Amino acid sequence: MRFSINIPNFGDFADPRNVAAVAAAAEQAGWDGLFVWDHVLHRQHQGRPFGDPWMLLTAAALATSRIRLGTLLTPVPRYRPQQLARQVATLDHLSGGRVIFAAGLGGPVEDEYRSFGDTAEPQLLAERLDEGLELLRRWWSGESVDHHGRHYKVRDVTLLPATVQRPGPPVWIGGFWPRRPPMRRAARWDGAVPLFETARHGHVPDVAEVRDLARYVREHRMGGAERPFELVLGGATPSDAVKAKDVIGPLRDAGATWWDERQIQTGPDLDRLPPVMRRIEAGPPVI
């Protein structure tokens, strides 16, 4: 099982230098990954400074050599696919092939989409997500792309360089369980990053629900998948290794392969550097 640290892209973490310090400390302490949020607007946290996640991850890549890096998660329908393809490929080269790409609709949709005159209709956003992911996959391969879809049109475009990772970075899909469509989408890619209706961000999910989700995804995996499938769960665990094992061990047995530590993201220390550094330095759980 692998372990990551999760931070927002606002408050203290809007500063790339702080994110670089977090990344370096996480690598030194034995964590396996660092993931940052990808918000352009979140009115619940209005008044705080926000940083661009790809610039923050660039700073993290320059400060590290081993840990995996990515967003949790990027709202693909909010981006132009060609811009996103360039950003991810550039980061994958800079990091030596350490990018993990997590995708979804994002939210709150009213803040992230309608505030800027875009649609907030979930069905349309889901269509753009699927079409955008397919374009990203093709561009990351370095092939010439012709595409005539409902939402995007491309005429003979090759974006080079291709990503270091071939055929591209692992793609993880987010969504709320027990909603089925996002997890069917995840089954077509490389991983699922679920939140749970009964355990929102920062809370540990119920083992029985994790077991049901893992079974559902397995049933919908396409035959001949080339890469292993990751089930990424998250929440807050005690820094005490024995107590953390009691929390995460049953989730691992239910199918989880990554634990994303969201230690302080349910309280007033959400966007402050010192509490995050203390949790990082205590080290990942030992399972």
C-alpha atoms as a PDB file:
ATOM      1  CA  MET A   1       0.000   0.000   0.000  1.00  0.00           C
ATOM      2  CA  ARG A   2       1.202   3.522  -0.789  1.00  0.00           C
ATOM      3  CA  PHE A   3       0.704   6.731   1.148  1.00  0.00           C
ATOM      4  CA  SER A   4       0.298  10.336   0.019  1.00  0.00           C
ATOM      5  CA  ILE A   5      -0.146  13.782   1.503  1.00  0.00           C
ATOM      6  CA  ASN A   6      -3.049  15.942   0.302  1.00  0.00           C
ATOM      7  CA  ILE A   7      -3.079  19.755   0.475  1.00  0.00           C
ATOM      8  CA  PRO A   8      -5.333  22.507  -0.896  1.00  0.00           C
ATOM      9  CA  ASN A   9      -4.078  25.040  -3.436  1.00  0.00           C
ATOM     10  CA  PHE A  10      -4.961  28.038  -1.286  1.00  0.00           C
ATOM     11  CA  GLY A  11      -3.905  29.719   1.928  1.00  0.00           C
ATOM     12  CA  ASP A  12      -0.298  28.917   2.846  1.00  0.00           C
ATOM     13  CA  PHE A  13      -0.209  26.463  -0.067  1.00  0.00           C
ATOM     14  CA  ALA A  14      -0.840  29.144  -2.672  1.00  0.00           C
ATOM     15  CA  ASP A  15       2.901  29.844  -2.330  1.00  0.00           C
ATOM     16  CA  PRO A  16       4.964  27.453  -4.496  1.00  0.00           C
ATOM     17  CA  ARG A  17       7.866  27.718  -2.038  1.00  0.00           C
ATOM     18  CA  ASN A  18       5.698  26.259   0.722  1.00  0.00           C
ATOM     19  CA  VAL A  19       4.541  23.449  -1.552  1.00  0.00           C
ATOM     20  CA  ALA A  20       8.159  22.705  -2.456  1.00  0.00           C
ATOM     21  CA  ALA A  21       8.971  22.494   1.270  1.00  0.00           C
ATOM     22  CA  VAL A  22       6.038  20.138   1.832  1.00  0.00           C
ATOM     23  CA  ALA A  23       7.113  17.926  -1.078  1.00  0.00           C
ATOM     24  CA  ALA A  24      10.730  17.728   0.080  1.00  0.00           C
ATOM     25  CA  ALA A  25       9.674  16.923   3.648  1.00  0.00           C
ATOM     26  CA  ALA A  26       7.241  14.247   2.441  1.00  0.00           C
ATOM     27  CA  GLU A  27       9.917  12.580   0.350  1.00  0.00           C
ATOM     28  CA  GLN A  28      12.392  12.678   3.218  1.00  0.00           C
ATOM     29  CA  ALA A  29       9.859  11.190   5.647  1.00  0.00           C
ATOM     30  CA  GLY A  30       9.038   8.258   3.360  1.00  0.00           C
ATOM     31  CA  TRP A  31       5.688   9.268   1.860  1.00  0.00           C
ATOM     32  CA  ASP A  32       4.951   8.053  -1.685  1.00  0.00           C
ATOM     33  CA  GLY A  33       3.028  10.970  -3.166  1.00  0.00           C
ATOM     34  CA  LEU A  34       1.867  14.563  -2.890  1.00  0.00           C
ATOM     35  CA  PHE A  35      -1.468  15.691  -4.298  1.00  0.00           C
ATOM     36  CA  VAL A  36      -2.876  19.209  -4.459  1.00  0.00           C
ATOM     37  CA  TRP A  37      -6.382  20.493  -5.064  1.00  0.00           C
ATOM     38  CA  ASP A  38      -7.293  22.139  -8.370  1.00  0.00           C
ATOM     39  CA  HIS A  39      -9.683  25.013  -7.687  1.00  0.00           C
ATOM     40  CA  VAL A  40      -9.904  28.339  -9.449  1.00  0.00           C
ATOM     41  CA  LEU A  41     -12.786  29.475  -7.214  1.00  0.00           C
ATOM     42  CA  HIS A  42     -14.249  28.001  -4.052  1.00  0.00           C
ATOM     43  CA  ARG A  43     -16.532  30.541  -2.381  1.00  0.00           C
ATOM     44  CA  GLN A  44     -16.408  28.721   0.952  1.00  0.00           C
ATOM     45  CA  HIS A  45     -12.737  29.720   1.052  1.00  0.00           C
ATOM     46  CA  GLN A  46     -13.091  33.127  -0.563  1.00  0.00           C
ATOM     47  CA  GLY A  47     -10.675  35.752   0.693  1.00  0.00           C
ATOM     48  CA  ARG A  48      -7.741  33.351   0.713  1.00  0.00           C
ATOM     49  CA  PRO A  49      -5.005  33.463  -1.942  1.00  0.00           C
ATOM     50  CA  PHE A  50      -5.172  30.630  -4.502  1.00  0.00           C
ATOM     51  CA  GLY A  51      -2.250  29.159  -6.458  1.00  0.00           C
ATOM     52  CA  ASP A  52      -2.287  27.495  -9.866  1.00  0.00           C
ATOM     53  CA  PRO A  53      -1.898  23.750  -9.153  1.00  0.00           C
ATOM     54  CA  TRP A  54       0.435  23.099 -12.089  1.00  0.00           C
ATOM     55  CA  MET A  55       2.809  25.840 -10.956  1.00  0.00           C
ATOM     56  CA  LEU A  56       2.663  24.448  -7.414  1.00  0.00           C
ATOM     57  CA  LEU A  57       3.458  20.946  -8.680  1.00  0.00           C
ATOM     58  CA  THR A  58       6.330  22.332 -10.766  1.00  0.00           C
ATOM     59  CA  ALA A  59       7.880  23.631  -7.554  1.00  0.00           C
ATOM     60  CA  ALA A  60       7.273  20.236  -5.922  1.00  0.00           C
ATOM     61  CA  ALA A  61       8.909  18.407  -8.837  1.00  0.00           C
ATOM     62  CA  LEU A  62      12.021  20.567  -8.640  1.00  0.00           C
ATOM     63  CA  ALA A  63      12.333  19.854  -4.913  1.00  0.00           C
ATOM     64  CA  THR A  64      12.035  16.061  -5.164  1.00  0.00           C
ATOM     65  CA  SER A  65      13.262  13.042  -7.106  1.00  0.00           C
ATOM     66  CA  ARG A  66      11.077  10.110  -6.036  1.00  0.00           C
ATOM     67  CA  ILE A  67       7.523  10.834  -4.893  1.00  0.00           C
ATOM     68  CA  ARG A  68       4.573  10.804  -7.284  1.00  0.00           C
ATOM     69  CA  LEU A  69       2.884  14.140  -7.962  1.00  0.00           C
ATOM     70  CA  GLY A  70      -0.542  15.188  -9.157  1.00  0.00           C
ATOM     71  CA  THR A  71      -3.842  16.867  -8.505  1.00  0.00           C
ATOM     72  CA  LEU A  72      -6.778  15.439  -6.608  1.00  0.00           C
ATOM     73  CA  LEU A  73      -8.514  16.236  -8.747  1.00  0.00           C
ATOM     74  CA  THR A  74      -8.531  18.254 -11.976  1.00  0.00           C
ATOM     75  CA  PRO A  75     -11.929  19.292 -13.383  1.00  0.00           C
ATOM     76  CA  VAL A  76     -11.204  18.442 -17.008  1.00  0.00           C
ATOM     77  CA  PRO A  77     -14.362  20.164 -18.384  1.00  0.00           C
ATOM     78  CA  ARG A  78     -13.115  23.481 -16.973  1.00  0.00           C
ATOM     79  CA  TYR A  79      -9.966  23.367 -19.146  1.00  0.00           C
ATOM     80  CA  ARG A  80      -9.227  23.454 -22.836  1.00  0.00           C
ATOM     81  CA  PRO A  81      -7.899  19.931 -23.480  1.00  0.00           C
ATOM     82  CA  GLN A  82      -4.918  21.123 -25.521  1.00  0.00           C
ATOM     83  CA  GLN A  83      -3.782  23.408 -22.705  1.00  0.00           C
ATOM     84  CA  LEU A  84      -4.152  20.647 -20.143  1.00  0.00           C
ATOM     85  CA  ALA A  85      -2.298  18.141 -22.316  1.00  0.00           C
ATOM     86  CA  ARG A  86       0.679  20.527 -22.537  1.00  0.00           C
ATOM     87  CA  GLN A  87       0.749  21.223 -18.807  1.00  0.00           C
ATOM     88  CA  VAL A  88       0.660  17.569 -17.806  1.00  0.00           C
ATOM     89  CA  ALA A  89       3.247  16.507 -20.391  1.00  0.00           C
ATOM     90  CA  THR A  90       5.590  19.310 -19.326  1.00  0.00           C
ATOM     91  CA  LEU A  91       5.311  18.311 -15.666  1.00  0.00           C
ATOM     92  CA  ASP A  92       5.819  14.647 -16.548  1.00  0.00           C
ATOM     93  CA  HIS A  93       9.091  15.544 -18.289  1.00  0.00           C
ATOM     94  CA  LEU A  94      10.251  17.823 -15.508  1.00  0.00           C
ATOM     95  CA  SER A  95       9.561  15.167 -12.868  1.00  0.00           C
ATOM     96  CA  GLY A  96      11.052  12.281 -14.840  1.00  0.00           C
ATOM     97  CA  GLY A  97       7.722  10.509 -15.303  1.00  0.00           C
ATOM     98  CA  ARG A  98       6.228  10.900 -11.817  1.00  0.00           C
ATOM     99  CA  VAL A  99       2.840  12.448 -12.661  1.00  0.00           C
ATOM    100  CA  ILE A 100      -0.477  10.868 -11.732  1.00  0.00           C
ATOM    101  CA  PHE A 101      -3.480  12.528 -13.350  1.00  0.00           C
ATOM    102  CA  ALA A 102      -6.707  12.484 -11.340  1.00  0.00           C
ATOM    103  CA  ALA A 103      -9.801  13.795 -13.104  1.00  0.00           C
ATOM    104  CA  GLY A 104     -13.467  14.477 -12.547  1.00  0.00           C
ATOM    105  CA  LEU A 105     -16.114  17.169 -12.792  1.00  0.00           C
ATOM    106  CA  GLY A 106     -14.736  19.094  -9.828  1.00  0.00           C
ATOM    107  CA  GLY A 107     -16.780  21.414  -7.747  1.00  0.00           C
ATOM    108  CA  PRO A 108     -18.582  23.203  -6.410  1.00  0.00           C
ATOM    109  CA  VAL A 109     -19.937  23.368  -9.960  1.00  0.00           C
ATOM    110  CA  GLU A 110     -21.752  26.652  -9.317  1.00  0.00           C
ATOM    111  CA  ASP A 111     -18.463  28.259  -8.255  1.00  0.00           C
ATOM    112  CA  GLU A 112     -16.105  26.641 -10.763  1.00  0.00           C
ATOM    113  CA  TYR A 113     -18.354  26.819 -13.834  1.00  0.00           C
ATOM    114  CA  ARG A 114     -21.440  29.030 -13.590  1.00  0.00           C
ATOM    115  CA  SER A 115     -19.505  31.893 -11.969  1.00  0.00           C
ATOM    116  CA  PHE A 116     -17.630  32.205 -15.261  1.00  0.00           C
ATOM    117  CA  GLY A 117     -20.630  31.893 -17.552  1.00  0.00           C
ATOM    118  CA  ASP A 118     -20.189  28.176 -18.218  1.00  0.00           C
ATOM    119  CA  THR A 119     -22.788  25.433 -17.905  1.00  0.00           C
ATOM    120  CA  ALA A 120     -23.248  23.659 -14.602  1.00  0.00           C
ATOM    121  CA  GLU A 121     -25.358  20.875 -16.124  1.00  0.00           C
ATOM    122  CA  PRO A 122     -23.831  17.607 -14.870  1.00  0.00           C
ATOM    123  CA  GLN A 123     -24.662  15.606 -17.982  1.00  0.00           C
ATOM    124  CA  LEU A 124     -22.967  18.094 -20.307  1.00  0.00           C
ATOM    125  CA  LEU A 125     -19.939  18.324 -18.011  1.00  0.00           C
ATOM    126  CA  ALA A 126     -19.710  14.524 -17.918  1.00  0.00           C
ATOM    127  CA  GLU A 127     -19.738  14.421 -21.733  1.00  0.00           C
ATOM    128  CA  ARG A 128     -16.925  16.978 -21.840  1.00  0.00           C
ATOM    129  CA  LEU A 129     -14.995  14.984 -19.249  1.00  0.00           C
ATOM    130  CA  ASP A 130     -15.140  11.774 -21.288  1.00  0.00           C
ATOM    131  CA  GLU A 131     -14.346  13.501 -24.566  1.00  0.00           C
ATOM    132  CA  GLY A 132     -11.550  15.520 -22.978  1.00  0.00           C
ATOM    133  CA  LEU A 133      -9.957  12.453 -21.393  1.00  0.00           C
ATOM    134  CA  GLU A 134      -9.871  10.684 -24.738  1.00  0.00           C
ATOM    135  CA  LEU A 135      -8.160  13.692 -26.350  1.00  0.00           C
ATOM    136  CA  LEU A 136      -5.604  13.835 -23.539  1.00  0.00           C
ATOM    137  CA  ARG A 137      -4.799  10.147 -23.946  1.00  0.00           C
ATOM    138  CA  ARG A 138      -4.203  10.564 -27.656  1.00  0.00           C
ATOM    139  CA  TRP A 139      -2.116  13.735 -27.356  1.00  0.00           C
ATOM    140  CA  TRP A 140       0.056  12.280 -24.584  1.00  0.00           C
ATOM    141  CA  SER A 141       0.992   9.454 -26.964  1.00  0.00           C
ATOM    142  CA  GLY A 142       2.525  11.913 -29.442  1.00  0.00           C
ATOM    143  CA  GLU A 143       0.208  10.886 -32.268  1.00  0.00           C
ATOM    144  CA  SER A 144      -1.496  13.228 -34.706  1.00  0.00           C
ATOM    145  CA  VAL A 145      -5.068  13.903 -33.618  1.00  0.00           C
ATOM    146  CA  ASP A 146      -8.117  14.492 -35.772  1.00  0.00           C
ATOM    147  CA  HIS A 147     -11.285  14.673 -33.743  1.00  0.00           C
ATOM    148  CA  HIS A 148     -14.850  15.760 -34.487  1.00  0.00           C
ATOM    149  CA  GLY A 149     -16.875  15.350 -31.292  1.00  0.00           C
ATOM    150  CA  ARG A 150     -19.882  17.021 -29.789  1.00  0.00           C
ATOM    151  CA  HIS A 151     -17.824  19.390 -27.632  1.00  0.00           C
ATOM    152  CA  TYR A 152     -14.346  19.523 -29.211  1.00  0.00           C
ATOM    153  CA  LYS A 153     -12.986  19.621 -32.733  1.00  0.00           C
ATOM    154  CA  VAL A 154      -9.327  19.115 -33.642  1.00  0.00           C
ATOM    155  CA  ARG A 155      -7.752  19.130 -37.089  1.00  0.00           C
ATOM    156  CA  ASP A 156      -4.396  17.385 -37.560  1.00  0.00           C
ATOM    157  CA  VAL A 157      -2.705  18.419 -34.299  1.00  0.00           C
ATOM    158  CA  THR A 158       0.368  16.721 -32.816  1.00  0.00           C
ATOM    159  CA  LEU A 159       1.513  17.923 -29.402  1.00  0.00           C
ATOM    160  CA  LEU A 160       5.145  17.109 -28.651  1.00  0.00           C
ATOM    161  CA  PRO A 161       6.894  16.004 -26.611  1.00  0.00           C
ATOM    162  CA  ALA A 162       4.808  13.006 -25.642  1.00  0.00           C
ATOM    163  CA  THR A 163       4.716  12.203 -21.953  1.00  0.00           C
ATOM    164  CA  VAL A 164       7.620  10.272 -20.443  1.00  0.00           C
ATOM    165  CA  GLN A 165       5.169   7.657 -19.182  1.00  0.00           C
ATOM    166  CA  ARG A 166       3.740   5.626 -22.032  1.00  0.00           C
ATOM    167  CA  PRO A 167       1.033   5.553 -23.178  1.00  0.00           C
ATOM    168  CA  GLY A 168       0.557   8.338 -20.642  1.00  0.00           C
ATOM    169  CA  PRO A 169       0.371   9.060 -16.913  1.00  0.00           C
ATOM    170  CA  PRO A 170      -1.958   6.889 -14.840  1.00  0.00           C
ATOM    171  CA  VAL A 171      -5.471   8.353 -14.915  1.00  0.00           C
ATOM    172  CA  TRP A 172      -7.539   8.163 -11.736  1.00  0.00           C
ATOM    173  CA  ILE A 173     -11.217   9.130 -11.727  1.00  0.00           C
ATOM    174  CA  GLY A 174     -13.038  10.780  -8.845  1.00  0.00           C
ATOM    175  CA  GLY A 175     -16.689  10.700  -7.906  1.00  0.00           C
ATOM    176  CA  PHE A 176     -19.125  10.095  -5.076  1.00  0.00           C
ATOM    177  CA  TRP A 177     -20.082   6.575  -4.088  1.00  0.00           C
ATOM    178  CA  PRO A 178     -22.709   5.068  -4.299  1.00  0.00           C
ATOM    179  CA  ARG A 179     -23.241   6.978  -7.558  1.00  0.00           C
ATOM    180  CA  ARG A 180     -22.478   4.396 -10.232  1.00  0.00           C
ATOM    181  CA  PRO A 181     -21.573   6.385 -13.392  1.00  0.00           C
ATOM    182  CA  PRO A 182     -18.294   7.891 -12.048  1.00  0.00           C
ATOM    183  CA  MET A 183     -17.102   4.463 -10.899  1.00  0.00           C
ATOM    184  CA  ARG A 184     -17.966   2.914 -14.270  1.00  0.00           C
ATOM    185  CA  ARG A 185     -15.859   5.662 -15.814  1.00  0.00           C
ATOM    186  CA  ALA A 186     -13.041   4.891 -13.359  1.00  0.00           C
ATOM    187  CA  ALA A 187     -13.164   1.223 -14.365  1.00  0.00           C
ATOM    188  CA  ARG A 188     -12.184   2.251 -17.909  1.00  0.00           C
ATOM    189  CA  TRP A 189      -9.041   3.991 -16.657  1.00  0.00           C
ATOM    190  CA  ASP A 190      -6.339   3.292 -14.066  1.00  0.00           C
ATOM    191  CA  GLY A 191      -7.850   4.093 -10.703  1.00  0.00           C
ATOM    192  CA  ALA A 192     -10.751   5.347  -8.616  1.00  0.00           C
ATOM    193  CA  VAL A 193     -10.584   8.177  -6.081  1.00  0.00           C
ATOM    194  CA  PRO A 194     -13.996   8.007  -4.449  1.00  0.00           C
ATOM    195  CA  LEU A 195     -15.583  10.236  -1.897  1.00  0.00           C
ATOM    196  CA  PHE A 196     -18.494   8.769  -0.003  1.00  0.00           C
ATOM    197  CA  GLU A 197     -21.917  10.242   0.695  1.00  0.00           C
ATOM    198  CA  THR A 198     -21.505   8.936   4.252  1.00  0.00           C
ATOM    199  CA  ALA A 199     -17.865  10.066   4.683  1.00  0.00           C
ATOM    200  CA  ARG A 200     -17.021  13.399   3.114  1.00  0.00           C
ATOM    201  CA  HIS A 201     -13.527  14.794   2.565  1.00  0.00           C
ATOM    202  CA  GLY A 202     -11.254  14.102   5.534  1.00  0.00           C
ATOM    203  CA  HIS A 203     -13.415  11.342   7.028  1.00  0.00           C
ATOM    204  CA  VAL A 204     -12.594   7.641   6.977  1.00  0.00           C
ATOM    205  CA  PRO A 205     -15.032   5.610   4.831  1.00  0.00           C
ATOM    206  CA  ASP A 206     -16.954   2.584   6.031  1.00  0.00           C
ATOM    207  CA  VAL A 207     -15.224  -0.713   5.252  1.00  0.00           C
ATOM    208  CA  ALA A 208     -18.391  -2.370   3.958  1.00  0.00           C
ATOM    209  CA  GLU A 209     -18.940   0.458   1.473  1.00  0.00           C
ATOM    210  CA  VAL A 210     -15.338   0.208   0.286  1.00  0.00           C
ATOM    211  CA  ARG A 211     -15.780  -3.520  -0.243  1.00  0.00           C
ATOM    212  CA  ASP A 212     -18.955  -2.918  -2.286  1.00  0.00           C
ATOM    213  CA  LEU A 213     -17.237  -0.256  -4.382  1.00  0.00           C
ATOM    214  CA  ALA A 214     -14.202  -2.441  -5.072  1.00  0.00           C
ATOM    215  CA  ARG A 215     -16.471  -5.296  -6.164  1.00  0.00           C
ATOM    216  CA  TYR A 216     -18.465  -2.978  -8.444  1.00  0.00           C
ATOM    217  CA  VAL A 217     -15.342  -1.638 -10.154  1.00  0.00           C
ATOM    218  CA  ARG A 218     -13.920  -5.129 -10.649  1.00  0.00           C
ATOM    219  CA  GLU A 219     -17.155  -6.183 -12.338  1.00  0.00           C
ATOM    220  CA  HIS A 220     -16.885  -3.277 -14.783  1.00  0.00           C
ATOM    221  CA  ARG A 221     -13.187  -3.480 -15.586  1.00  0.00           C
ATOM    222  CA  MET A 222     -12.576  -4.103 -19.260  1.00  0.00           C
ATOM    223  CA  GLY A 223     -10.702  -7.295 -20.100  1.00  0.00           C
ATOM    224  CA  GLY A 224      -7.030  -7.052 -20.960  1.00  0.00           C
ATOM    225  CA  ALA A 225      -6.302  -3.933 -18.911  1.00  0.00           C
ATOM    226  CA  GLU A 226      -2.586  -3.217 -19.296  1.00  0.00           C
ATOM    227  CA  ARG A 227      -1.946  -1.496 -15.983  1.00  0.00           C
ATOM    228  CA  PRO A 228      -2.860  -2.293 -12.395  1.00  0.00           C
ATOM    229  CA  PHE A 229      -5.933  -0.581 -11.006  1.00  0.00           C
ATOM    230  CA  GLU A 230      -5.578   1.651  -7.947  1.00  0.00           C
ATOM    231  CA  LEU A 231      -8.276   2.271  -5.350  1.00  0.00           C
ATOM    232  CA  VAL A 232      -7.374   5.489  -3.555  1.00  0.00           C
ATOM    233  CA  LEU A 233      -9.006   6.266  -0.220  1.00  0.00           C
ATOM    234  CA  GLY A 234      -8.367   9.161   2.111  1.00  0.00           C
ATOM    235  CA  GLY A 235      -9.067  10.644   5.493  1.00  0.00           C
ATOM    236  CA  ALA A 236      -7.373  11.554   8.736  1.00  0.00           C
ATOM    237  CA  THR A 237      -5.345   8.989  10.665  1.00  0.00           C
ATOM    238  CA  PRO A 238      -3.544   9.207  14.015  1.00  0.00           C
ATOM    239  CA  SER A 239       0.197   9.790  13.827  1.00  0.00           C
ATOM    240  CA  ASP A 240       0.580   6.785  16.146  1.00  0.00           C
ATOM    241  CA  ALA A 241       1.469   3.880  13.823  1.00  0.00           C
ATOM    242  CA  VAL A 242      -0.481   1.217  15.709  1.00  0.00           C
ATOM    243  CA  LYS A 243      -3.660   3.288  15.807  1.00  0.00           C
ATOM    244  CA  ALA A 244      -3.255   4.206  12.135  1.00  0.00           C
ATOM    245  CA  LYS A 245      -2.924   0.532  11.246  1.00  0.00           C
ATOM    246  CA  ASP A 246      -6.234  -0.152  12.977  1.00  0.00           C
ATOM    247  CA  VAL A 247      -7.860   2.431  10.693  1.00  0.00           C
ATOM    248  CA  ILE A 248      -6.218   1.587   7.373  1.00  0.00           C
ATOM    249  CA  GLY A 249      -5.625  -2.156   7.672  1.00  0.00           C
ATOM    250  CA  PRO A 250      -9.284  -3.146   7.157  1.00  0.00           C
ATOM    251  CA  LEU A 251      -9.554  -0.739   4.201  1.00  0.00           C
ATOM    252  CA  ARG A 252      -6.498  -2.310   2.588  1.00  0.00           C
ATOM    253  CA  ASP A 253      -8.050  -5.729   3.072  1.00  0.00           C
ATOM    254  CA  ALA A 254     -11.216  -4.415   1.393  1.00  0.00           C
ATOM    255  CA  GLY A 255      -9.237  -3.423  -1.714  1.00  0.00           C
ATOM    256  CA  ALA A 256      -7.598  -0.028  -1.111  1.00  0.00           C
ATOM    257  CA  THR A 257      -4.109   0.378  -2.632  1.00  0.00           C
ATOM    258  CA  TRP A 258      -3.366   4.022  -1.719  1.00  0.00           C
ATOM    259  CA  TRP A 259      -4.115   6.007   1.433  1.00  0.00           C
ATOM    260  CA  ASP A 260      -4.290   9.787   0.906  1.00  0.00           C
ATOM    261  CA  GLU A 261      -3.690  11.552   4.226  1.00  0.00           C
ATOM    262  CA  ARG A 262      -6.073  14.471   4.787  1.00  0.00           C
ATOM    263  CA  GLN A 263      -5.099  14.981   8.385  1.00  0.00           C
ATOM    264  CA  ILE A 264      -6.215  18.520   9.074  1.00  0.00           C
ATOM    265  CA  GLN A 265      -8.709  19.207   6.319  1.00  0.00           C
ATOM    266  CA  THR A 266     -11.833  19.231   8.424  1.00  0.00           C
ATOM    267  CA  GLY A 267     -10.887  22.105  10.740  1.00  0.00           C
ATOM    268  CA  PRO A 268      -9.473  25.635  10.906  1.00  0.00           C
ATOM    269  CA  ASP A 269      -5.947  24.446  10.041  1.00  0.00           C
ATOM    270  CA  LEU A 270      -7.066  23.439   6.551  1.00  0.00           C
ATOM    271  CA  ASP A 271      -4.695  25.765   4.706  1.00  0.00           C
ATOM    272  CA  ARG A 272      -1.892  26.263   7.239  1.00  0.00           C
ATOM    273  CA  LEU A 273       1.635  24.956   6.713  1.00  0.00           C
ATOM    274  CA  PRO A 274       2.814  24.110  10.276  1.00  0.00           C
ATOM    275  CA  PRO A 275       0.212  21.392  11.094  1.00  0.00           C
ATOM    276  CA  VAL A 276       0.780  19.729   7.729  1.00  0.00           C
ATOM    277  CA  MET A 277       4.530  19.680   8.270  1.00  0.00           C
ATOM    278  CA  ARG A 278       4.099  18.116  11.703  1.00  0.00           C
ATOM    279  CA  ARG A 279       1.959  15.313  10.247  1.00  0.00           C
ATOM    280  CA  ILE A 280       4.402  14.762   7.380  1.00  0.00           C
ATOM    281  CA  GLU A 281       7.388  14.529   9.685  1.00  0.00           C
ATOM    282  CA  ALA A 282       5.608  11.920  11.815  1.00  0.00           C
ATOM    283  CA  GLY A 283       5.803   9.679   8.744  1.00  0.00           C
ATOM    284  CA  PRO A 284       3.291   7.539   6.872  1.00  0.00           C
ATOM    285  CA  PRO A 285       1.366   4.767   8.585  1.00  0.00           C
ATOM    286  CA  VAL A 286       3.091   1.394   8.793  1.00  0.00           C
ATOM    287  CA  ILE A 287       0.779  -1.315   7.444  1.00  0.00           C
END
